[in-house]
C-alpha atoms as a PDB file:
ATOM      1  CA  MET A   1      62.836  40.197 -48.233  1.00  0.00           C
ATOM      2  CA  PRO A   2      59.818  40.460 -45.910  1.00  0.00           C
ATOM      3  CA  GLU A   3      60.347  40.020 -42.185  1.00  0.00           C
ATOM      4  CA  LYS A   4      59.649  36.591 -40.695  1.00  0.00           C
ATOM      5  CA  SER A   5      57.038  38.072 -38.354  1.00  0.00           C
ATOM      6  CA  THR A   6      55.145  39.497 -41.347  1.00  0.00           C
ATOM      7  CA  ILE A   7      55.154  36.133 -43.125  1.00  0.00           C
ATOM      8  CA  GLN A   8      53.954  34.454 -39.930  1.00  0.00           C
ATOM      9  CA  ARG A   9      51.068  36.903 -39.475  1.00  0.00           C
ATOM     10  CA  ALA A  10      50.021  36.382 -43.096  1.00  0.00           C
ATOM     11  CA  LYS A  11      50.062  32.593 -42.642  1.00  0.00           C
ATOM     12  CA  GLU A  12      47.942  32.932 -39.505  1.00  0.00           C
ATOM     13  CA  ASP A  13      45.444  35.096 -41.416  1.00  0.00           C
ATOM     14  CA  LEU A  14      45.087  32.416 -44.084  1.00  0.00           C
ATOM     15  CA  ARG A  15      44.795  29.594 -41.528  1.00  0.00           C
ATOM     16  CA  GLU A  16      41.975  31.510 -39.858  1.00  0.00           C
ATOM     17  CA  GLY A  17      40.114  31.641 -43.179  1.00  0.00           C
ATOM     18  CA  LYS A  18      40.762  35.311 -43.832  1.00  0.00           C
ATOM     19  CA  SER A  19      41.021  36.451 -47.445  1.00  0.00           C
ATOM     20  CA  PRO A  20      44.330  36.690 -49.349  1.00  0.00           C
ATOM     21  CA  THR A  21      43.732  40.455 -49.513  1.00  0.00           C
ATOM     22  CA  THR A  22      43.831  40.579 -45.711  1.00  0.00           C
ATOM     23  CA  ALA A  23      46.989  38.458 -45.607  1.00  0.00           C
ATOM     24  CA  ALA A  24      48.633  40.640 -48.271  1.00  0.00           C
ATOM     25  CA  GLY A  25      47.794  43.684 -46.151  1.00  0.00           C
ATOM     26  CA  GLU A  26      50.400  42.505 -43.634  1.00  0.00           C
ATOM     27  CA  PHE A  27      53.117  43.054 -46.258  1.00  0.00           C
ATOM     28  CA  VAL A  28      51.716  46.445 -47.272  1.00  0.00           C
ATOM     29  CA  ARG A  29      51.752  47.586 -43.640  1.00  0.00           C
ATOM     30  CA  GLU A  30      55.343  46.368 -43.301  1.00  0.00           C
ATOM     31  CA  GLU A  31      56.368  48.361 -46.378  1.00  0.00           C
ATOM     32  CA  ILE A  32      54.715  51.542 -45.104  1.00  0.00           C
ATOM     33  CA  GLU A  33      56.430  51.109 -41.730  1.00  0.00           C
ATOM     34  CA  HIS A  34      59.808  50.718 -43.455  1.00  0.00           C
ATOM     35  CA  VAL A  35      59.300  54.051 -45.206  1.00  0.00           C
ATOM     36  CA  LYS A  36      58.187  55.750 -41.986  1.00  0.00           C
ATOM     37  CA  GLN A  37      61.291  54.377 -40.228  1.00  0.00           C
ATOM     38  CA  GLY A  38      63.508  55.816 -42.965  1.00  0.00           C
ATOM     39  CA  LYS A  39      64.789  52.490 -44.304  1.00  0.00           C
ATOM     40  CA  HIS A  40      63.931  53.653 -47.826  1.00  0.00           C
ATOM     41  CA  GLY A  41      61.495  55.919 -49.662  1.00  0.00           C
ATOM     42  CA  VAL A  42      58.754  55.589 -52.289  1.00  0.00           C
ATOM     43  CA  ARG A  43      57.424  57.881 -55.007  1.00  0.00           C
ATOM     44  CA  SER A  44      53.842  57.581 -53.746  1.00  0.00           C
ATOM     45  CA  PRO A  45      51.553  55.576 -51.438  1.00  0.00           C
ATOM     46  CA  GLN A  46      50.594  53.536 -54.510  1.00  0.00           C
ATOM     47  CA  GLN A  47      54.202  52.422 -54.953  1.00  0.00           C
ATOM     48  CA  ALA A  48      54.401  51.311 -51.312  1.00  0.00           C
ATOM     49  CA  ILE A  49      51.197  49.310 -51.784  1.00  0.00           C
ATOM     50  CA  ALA A  50      52.488  47.784 -55.031  1.00  0.00           C
ATOM     51  CA  ILE A  51      55.760  46.724 -53.380  1.00  0.00           C
ATOM     52  CA  GLY A  52      53.845  45.162 -50.487  1.00  0.00           C
ATOM     53  CA  LEU A  53      51.526  43.225 -52.799  1.00  0.00           C
ATOM     54  CA  SER A  54      54.492  42.012 -54.838  1.00  0.00           C
ATOM     55  CA  LYS A  55      56.203  40.741 -51.680  1.00  0.00           C
ATOM     56  CA  ALA A  56      52.982  39.044 -50.585  1.00  0.00           C
ATOM     57  CA  ARG A  57      52.539  37.172 -53.868  1.00  0.00           C
ATOM     58  CA  ARG A  58      56.205  36.107 -53.965  1.00  0.00           C
ATOM     59  CA  ALA A  59      55.933  34.912 -50.349  1.00  0.00           C
ATOM     60  CA  GLY A  60      53.112  32.548 -51.344  1.00  0.00           C
ATOM     61  CA  VAL A  61      49.969  34.524 -50.502  1.00  0.00           C
ATOM     62  CA  PRO A  62      47.411  33.302 -53.102  1.00  0.00           C
ATOM     63  CA  LEU A  63      46.386  36.805 -54.141  1.00  0.00           C
ATOM     64  CA  PRO A  64      45.263  36.572 -57.791  1.00  0.00           C
ATOM     65  CA  PRO A  65      46.762  39.064 -60.251  1.00  0.00           C
ATOM     66  CA  PRO A  66      44.418  41.805 -61.499  1.00  0.00           C
ATOM     67  CA  ALA A  67      42.167  40.809 -64.384  1.00  0.00           C
ATOM     68  CA  GLU A  68      42.814  42.176 -67.856  1.00  0.00           C
ATOM     69  CA  GLY A  69      41.731  45.788 -68.123  1.00  0.00           C
ATOM     70  CA  LYS A  70      41.843  46.329 -64.337  1.00  0.00           C
ATOM     71  CA  ALA A  71      45.475  47.483 -64.312  1.00  0.00           C
ATOM     72  CA  LYS A  72      48.236  48.453 -66.697  1.00  0.00           C
ATOM     73  CA  GLU A  73      49.403  45.471 -68.729  1.00  0.00           C
ATOM     74  CA  LYS A  74      52.955  45.781 -67.405  1.00  0.00           C
ATOM     75  CA  THR A  75      51.638  45.818 -63.828  1.00  0.00           C
ATOM     76  CA  ARG A  76      49.389  42.826 -64.483  1.00  0.00           C
ATOM     77  CA  GLN A  77      52.196  40.784 -66.045  1.00  0.00           C
ATOM     78  CA  SER A  78      54.487  41.585 -63.123  1.00  0.00           C
ATOM     79  CA  ALA A  79      51.770  40.467 -60.678  1.00  0.00           C
ATOM     80  CA  GLU A  80      51.313  37.240 -62.648  1.00  0.00           C
ATOM     81  CA  ARG A  81      55.051  36.495 -62.419  1.00  0.00           C
ATOM     82  CA  ASP A  82      55.049  37.182 -58.680  1.00  0.00           C
ATOM     83  CA  TYR A  83      51.988  34.951 -58.226  1.00  0.00           C
ATOM     84  CA  ARG A  84      53.507  32.053 -60.198  1.00  0.00           C
ATOM     85  CA  GLU A  85      56.763  32.355 -58.290  1.00  0.00           C
ATOM     86  CA  GLY A  86      54.962  32.344 -54.963  1.00  0.00           C
ATOM     87  CA  GLN A  87      52.914  29.280 -55.826  1.00  0.00           C
ATOM     88  CA  THR A  88      56.007  27.319 -56.948  1.00  0.00           C
ATOM     89  CA  SER A  89      57.653  25.082 -54.387  1.00  0.00           C
ATOM     90  CA  PRO A  90      60.483  25.412 -53.539  1.00  0.00           C
ATOM     91  CA  ARG A  91      60.514  29.140 -54.236  1.00  0.00           C
ATOM     92  CA  LYS A  92      63.591  30.734 -55.800  1.00  0.00           C
ATOM     93  CA  LYS A  93      65.641  33.107 -53.671  1.00  0.00           C
ATOM     94  CA  PRO A  94      65.665  36.622 -55.146  1.00  0.00           C
ATOM     95  CA  SER A  95      68.857  37.804 -56.803  1.00  0.00           C
ATOM     96  CA  ALA A  96      71.014  39.549 -54.175  1.00  0.00           C
ATOM     97  CA  ARG A  97      72.441  41.900 -56.792  1.00  0.00           C
ATOM     98  CA  ARG A  98      68.992  42.868 -58.067  1.00  0.00           C
ATOM     99  CA  SER A  99      67.684  43.331 -54.529  1.00  0.00           C
ATOM    100  CA  ARG A 100      70.574  45.672 -53.654  1.00  0.00           C
ATOM    101  CA  ALA A 101      70.014  47.724 -56.816  1.00  0.00           C
ATOM    102  CA  ARG A 102      66.282  47.998 -56.075  1.00  0.00           C
ATOM    103  CA  MET A 103      66.955  49.091 -52.494  1.00  0.00           C
ATOM    104  CA  GLN A 104      69.490  51.709 -53.592  1.00  0.00           C
ATOM    105  CA  ALA A 105      66.913  53.142 -56.004  1.00  0.00           C
ATOM    106  CA  LEU A 106      64.255  53.260 -53.283  1.00  0.00           C
ATOM    107  CA  LYS A 107      66.631  55.017 -50.874  1.00  0.00           C
ATOM    108  CA  ARG A 108      66.746  57.931 -53.309  1.00  0.00           C
ATOM    109  CA  GLU A 109      62.942  58.323 -53.185  1.00  0.00           C
ATOM    110  CA  PRO A 110      61.201  60.692 -50.706  1.00  0.00           C
ATOM    111  CA  LYS A 111      60.101  59.392 -47.319  1.00  0.00           C
ATOM    112  CA  SER A 112      57.218  61.820 -46.769  1.00  0.00           C
ATOM    113  CA  THR A 113      54.939  60.052 -49.250  1.00  0.00           C
ATOM    114  CA  VAL A 114      53.359  57.771 -46.631  1.00  0.00           C
ATOM    115  CA  SER A 115      52.330  60.512 -44.233  1.00  0.00           C
ATOM    116  CA  HIS A 116      48.903  60.309 -42.626  1.00  0.00           C
ATOM    117  CA  ARG A 117      47.618  62.910 -45.072  1.00  0.00           C
ATOM    118  CA  ALA A 118      49.022  61.112 -48.133  1.00  0.00           C
ATOM    119  CA  LEU A 119      47.592  57.777 -47.051  1.00  0.00           C
ATOM    120  CA  SER A 120      44.192  59.333 -46.354  1.00  0.00           C
ATOM    121  CA  GLN A 121      44.138  60.875 -49.832  1.00  0.00           C
ATOM    122  CA  GLN A 122      45.061  57.508 -51.348  1.00  0.00           C
ATOM    123  CA  ALA A 123      42.247  55.785 -49.446  1.00  0.00           C
ATOM    124  CA  ARG A 124      39.677  58.357 -50.608  1.00  0.00           C
ATOM    125  CA  SER A 125      40.913  58.092 -54.191  1.00  0.00           C
ATOM    126  CA  ALA A 126      40.703  54.291 -54.122  1.00  0.00           C
ATOM    127  CA  ALA A 127      37.193  54.371 -52.672  1.00  0.00           C
ATOM    128  CA  HIS A 128      36.090  56.753 -55.419  1.00  0.00           C
ATOM    129  CA  ARG A 129      37.559  54.507 -58.153  1.00  0.00           C
ATOM    130  CA  HIS A 130      36.001  51.350 -56.742  1.00  0.00           C
ATOM    131  CA  ALA A 131      32.500  52.735 -56.262  1.00  0.00           C
ATOM    132  CA  PRO A 132      31.305  52.019 -59.848  1.00  0.00           C
ATOM    133  CA  ALA A 133      32.807  48.534 -59.710  1.00  0.00           C
ATOM    134  CA  ALA A 134      30.998  47.753 -56.480  1.00  0.00           C
ATOM    135  CA  ALA A 135      27.668  48.543 -58.117  1.00  0.00           C
ATOM    136  CA  SER A 136      28.221  45.786 -60.673  1.00  0.00           C
ATOM    137  CA  ALA A 137      29.924  43.281 -58.359  1.00  0.00           C
ATOM    138  CA  ALA A 138      27.013  40.835 -58.455  1.00  0.00           C
ATOM    139  CA  GLY A 139      27.235  40.699 -62.231  1.00  0.00           C
ATOM    140  CA  GLN A 140      30.927  39.892 -62.081  1.00  0.00           C
ATOM    141  CA  HIS A 141      30.557  37.099 -59.527  1.00  0.00           C
ATOM    142  CA  ALA A 142      27.599  35.612 -61.406  1.00  0.00           C
ATOM    143  CA  GLN A 143      30.127  34.118 -63.793  1.00  0.00           C
ATOM    144  CA  ILE A 144      31.721  32.006 -61.055  1.00  0.00           C
ATOM    145  CA  ASP A 145      30.498  28.417 -61.287  1.00  0.00           C
ATOM    146  CA  LEU A 146      31.386  26.312 -58.239  1.00  0.00           C
ATOM    147  CA  ASN A 147      31.546  23.194 -60.398  1.00  0.00           C
ATOM    148  CA  HIS A 148      34.237  24.552 -62.709  1.00  0.00           C
ATOM    149  CA  ALA A 149      36.061  27.326 -60.841  1.00  0.00           C
ATOM    150  CA  GLY A 150      39.659  26.862 -59.747  1.00  0.00           C
ATOM    151  CA  GLU A 151      41.235  28.306 -56.609  1.00  0.00           C
ATOM    152  CA  ALA A 152      42.183  31.646 -58.174  1.00  0.00           C
ATOM    153  CA  GLU A 153      38.631  32.159 -59.468  1.00  0.00           C
ATOM    154  CA  LEU A 154      37.059  31.162 -56.141  1.00  0.00           C
ATOM    155  CA  MET A 155      39.234  33.792 -54.468  1.00  0.00           C
ATOM    156  CA  ARG A 156      37.210  36.456 -56.300  1.00  0.00           C
ATOM    157  CA  ILE A 157      34.192  35.596 -54.140  1.00  0.00           C
ATOM    158  CA  PRO A 158      33.980  38.251 -51.390  1.00  0.00           C
ATOM    159  CA  ASN A 159      35.208  37.146 -47.944  1.00  0.00           C
ATOM    160  CA  LEU A 160      35.584  33.486 -48.931  1.00  0.00           C
ATOM    161  CA  GLY A 161      39.193  33.046 -47.838  1.00  0.00           C
ATOM    162  CA  VAL A 162      41.767  30.540 -49.019  1.00  0.00           C
ATOM    163  CA  GLY A 163      40.793  27.926 -46.415  1.00  0.00           C
ATOM    164  CA  ARG A 164      37.163  27.724 -47.490  1.00  0.00           C
ATOM    165  CA  ALA A 165      38.111  27.861 -51.184  1.00  0.00           C
ATOM    166  CA  ARG A 166      40.314  24.805 -50.742  1.00  0.00           C
ATOM    167  CA  ASP A 167      37.618  23.039 -48.691  1.00  0.00           C
ATOM    168  CA  LEU A 168      35.214  23.545 -51.595  1.00  0.00           C
ATOM    169  CA  LEU A 169      37.703  22.171 -54.096  1.00  0.00           C
ATOM    170  CA  GLU A 170      38.509  19.155 -51.915  1.00  0.00           C
ATOM    171  CA  THR A 171      34.809  18.381 -51.369  1.00  0.00           C
ATOM    172  CA  ARG A 172      34.157  18.641 -55.101  1.00  0.00           C
ATOM    173  CA  ARG A 173      37.113  16.352 -55.803  1.00  0.00           C
ATOM    174  CA  ARG A 174      35.875  13.712 -53.341  1.00  0.00           C
ATOM    175  CA  LEU A 175      32.149  13.842 -54.036  1.00  0.00           C
ATOM    176  CA  GLY A 176      31.924  15.079 -57.619  1.00  0.00           C
ATOM    177  CA  ASN A 177      30.047  18.105 -58.917  1.00  0.00           C
ATOM    178  CA  PHE A 178      27.638  19.932 -56.654  1.00  0.00           C
ATOM    179  CA  GLU A 179      24.146  19.097 -57.899  1.00  0.00           C
ATOM    180  CA  SER A 180      22.370  21.328 -55.391  1.00  0.00           C
ATOM    181  CA  TRP A 181      23.134  23.837 -52.661  1.00  0.00           C
ATOM    182  CA  GLU A 182      22.572  21.049 -50.163  1.00  0.00           C
ATOM    183  CA  ASP A 183      25.648  19.357 -51.642  1.00  0.00           C
ATOM    184  CA  VAL A 184      27.641  22.551 -51.075  1.00  0.00           C
ATOM    185  CA  LYS A 185      26.725  22.370 -47.374  1.00  0.00           C
ATOM    186  CA  ARG A 186      28.697  19.127 -47.158  1.00  0.00           C
ATOM    187  CA  ALA A 187      31.915  21.143 -47.448  1.00  0.00           C
ATOM    188  CA  PRO A 188      33.449  22.053 -44.045  1.00  0.00           C
ATOM    189  CA  GLY A 189      32.268  25.457 -42.830  1.00  0.00           C
ATOM    190  CA  PHE A 190      29.493  25.833 -45.420  1.00  0.00           C
ATOM    191  CA  GLY A 191      26.268  26.115 -43.495  1.00  0.00           C
ATOM    192  CA  GLU A 192      23.093  27.955 -44.401  1.00  0.00           C
ATOM    193  CA  ARG A 193      24.598  31.400 -43.829  1.00  0.00           C
ATOM    194  CA  MET A 194      27.663  30.787 -46.029  1.00  0.00           C
ATOM    195  CA  VAL A 195      25.543  29.289 -48.810  1.00  0.00           C
ATOM    196  CA  ARG A 196      23.266  32.335 -48.655  1.00  0.00           C
ATOM    197  CA  ARG A 197      26.306  34.609 -49.050  1.00  0.00           C
ATOM    198  CA  LEU A 198      27.377  32.692 -52.143  1.00  0.00           C
ATOM    199  CA  GLN A 199      23.905  33.003 -53.641  1.00  0.00           C
ATOM    200  CA  GLN A 200      23.763  36.726 -52.866  1.00  0.00           C
ATOM    201  CA  ALA A 201      27.139  37.174 -54.585  1.00  0.00           C
ATOM    202  CA  GLY A 202      25.662  35.623 -57.732  1.00  0.00           C
ATOM    203  CA  VAL A 203      27.699  32.398 -57.578  1.00  0.00           C
ATOM    204  CA  THR A 204      26.113  29.523 -59.500  1.00  0.00           C
ATOM    205  CA  LEU A 205      26.220  25.741 -59.711  1.00  0.00           C
ATOM    206  CA  GLY A 206      25.823  25.703 -63.467  1.00  0.00           C
ATOM    207  CA  ARG A 207      22.762  26.348 -65.592  1.00  0.00           C
ATOM    208  CA  LYS A 208      21.550  22.763 -65.754  1.00  0.00           C
ATOM    209  CA  LEU A 209      21.656  22.081 -62.032  1.00  0.00           C
ATOM    210  CA  ARG A 210      18.731  22.321 -59.648  1.00  0.00           C
ATOM    211  CA  ALA A 211      18.827  24.800 -56.764  1.00  0.00           C
ATOM    212  CA  ALA A 212      17.658  22.863 -53.716  1.00  0.00           C
END
């Protein structure tokens, strides 16, 4: 189970409009600290990150699971289960027996895998893998239509944050579809600068709508 202070920091991140990725980072940092403190070990930095993200999703952080083809199918399905569990209220308590077995297995893993050097190598490797994806990011976000996207899809928009995503959905629910970018500005926190960011990310209002 994550520490209460970690859950609180993640909630504060989301209230401040920070992205679910930022909020989930609180759980990843907690997991790395646990390994450094010798509470348990991990096979690799990637496993520590995966455990942290799993905890974040199960704790209710609205971090969408990876899209098909972006991760191993087993990993993606596990993330989907964690996400569904975290978005269900009230959330089920994890099995004590299963938690003990998982912790015993982790205690047998090495504790040197989250050293400064190992984490630096992981960061460089991740940056190298993500470079080609970043080049085509605009093309990916071009498929997000503000008039049809749900919360999980809106969360793919860079730096939007759960607060603004929900403000968009609530404004659309109250006022109907956005017929122009001026309508989008009626959502709380969506001024000229935020609308420009959406346009630069390739977000659309639908092909038949005018762009005021």
